[in-house]
Amino acid sequence: MIVRLRAPEVERAGRVLFGGLQADLGPGLHAVVGDEGSGKSTLLAVLAGRLQPTRGVVEPSKRSVFFEDLTDPRLDAVIAEAW
């Protein structure tokens, strides 16, 4: 598991985005799909740690590795391991 989502919510303009979401995300490819304005970009900002949820928990694994620079050669090894 890379990250565990336990009902994170972000409130924007009086609207709750992605309320009630429960998921354990592991290595591999994942897709975030939804209607315009449903909170896809906001969810990715929460997962990246750039935005704190209003409620709920986003718990990264203690073994997670995050790269600011996507050209970092160490990222190739992480991607290869996920496949």
Protein backbone atom coordinates (compact mmCIF):
# COMPACT_ATOMS: atom_id res chain seq x y z
CA MET A 1 0.00 0.00 0.00
CA ILE A 2 1.26 3.45 -0.90
CA VAL A 3 -1.54 5.54 0.56
CA ARG A 4 -4.72 4.89 2.55
CA LEU A 5 -7.74 7.15 2.12
CA ARG A 6 -10.28 7.21 4.92
CA ALA A 7 -13.13 9.55 4.04
CA PRO A 8 -11.05 12.61 3.14
CA GLU A 9 -13.18 15.60 2.24
CA VAL A 10 -12.37 19.03 0.93
CA GLU A 11 -14.96 21.76 1.22
CA ARG A 12 -14.90 24.38 -1.53
CA ALA A 13 -17.46 27.12 -1.91
CA GLY A 14 -19.82 25.30 0.46
CA ARG A 15 -19.54 22.05 -1.54
CA VAL A 16 -18.01 18.83 -0.21
CA LEU A 17 -15.77 17.12 -2.75
CA PHE A 18 -15.26 13.32 -2.80
CA GLY A 19 -16.95 12.74 0.57
CA GLY A 20 -16.99 9.16 1.83
CA LEU A 21 -14.09 7.96 -0.31
CA GLN A 22 -12.41 4.85 1.14
CA ALA A 23 -9.42 3.28 -0.63
CA ASP A 24 -6.04 1.66 -0.20
CA LEU A 25 -3.87 2.51 -3.19
CA GLY A 26 -0.97 0.23 -3.98
CA PRO A 27 1.76 0.37 -6.58
CA GLY A 28 0.77 0.52 -10.22
CA LEU A 29 -1.24 2.78 -12.45
CA HIS A 30 -4.43 4.37 -11.19
CA ALA A 31 -6.93 6.63 -12.92
CA VAL A 32 -9.00 9.44 -11.46
CA VAL A 33 -12.11 10.04 -13.55
CA GLY A 34 -15.23 12.08 -13.04
CA ASP A 35 -17.35 14.94 -14.23
CA GLU A 36 -15.99 18.44 -14.52
CA GLY A 37 -15.89 20.04 -11.09
CA SER A 38 -16.14 16.73 -9.23
CA GLY A 39 -12.81 17.22 -7.43
CA LYS A 40 -10.30 15.20 -9.47
CA SER A 41 -7.56 17.86 -9.36
CA THR A 42 -8.34 18.59 -5.73
CA LEU A 43 -8.00 14.89 -4.85
CA LEU A 44 -4.63 14.75 -6.59
CA ALA A 45 -3.52 17.85 -4.67
CA VAL A 46 -4.52 16.12 -1.42
CA LEU A 47 -2.65 12.94 -2.43
CA ALA A 48 0.43 15.01 -3.28
CA GLY A 49 0.30 16.70 0.13
CA ARG A 50 -0.23 20.15 -1.37
CA LEU A 51 -3.69 20.51 0.16
CA GLN A 52 -4.97 19.32 3.53
CA PRO A 53 -8.39 17.67 3.66
CA THR A 54 -11.07 19.48 5.64
CA ARG A 55 -12.04 16.14 7.27
CA GLY A 56 -10.88 12.55 7.09
CA VAL A 57 -7.46 10.97 6.78
CA VAL A 58 -4.92 10.55 4.00
CA GLU A 59 -2.25 8.27 5.39
CA PRO A 60 0.87 7.75 3.28
CA SER A 61 2.83 4.56 3.79
CA LYS A 62 5.99 4.91 5.83
CA ARG A 63 7.74 3.30 2.86
CA SER A 64 6.40 5.75 0.28
CA VAL A 65 8.88 7.69 -1.79
CA PHE A 66 7.97 11.02 -3.36
CA PHE A 67 10.01 12.81 -6.01
CA GLU A 68 9.75 16.53 -6.67
CA ASP A 69 11.75 16.15 -9.89
CA LEU A 70 10.15 13.66 -12.28
CA THR A 71 13.44 13.44 -14.22
CA ASP A 72 15.22 11.97 -11.17
CA PRO A 73 16.82 8.69 -12.38
CA ARG A 74 15.86 6.94 -9.11
CA LEU A 75 12.23 7.24 -10.22
CA ASP A 76 12.88 4.67 -12.98
CA ALA A 77 13.62 2.03 -10.33
CA VAL A 78 10.42 2.85 -8.45
CA ILE A 79 8.35 2.61 -11.64
CA ALA A 80 10.04 -0.66 -12.65
CA GLU A 81 9.29 -2.16 -9.22
CA ALA A 82 5.62 -1.17 -9.53
CA TRP A 83 5.30 -3.06 -12.82
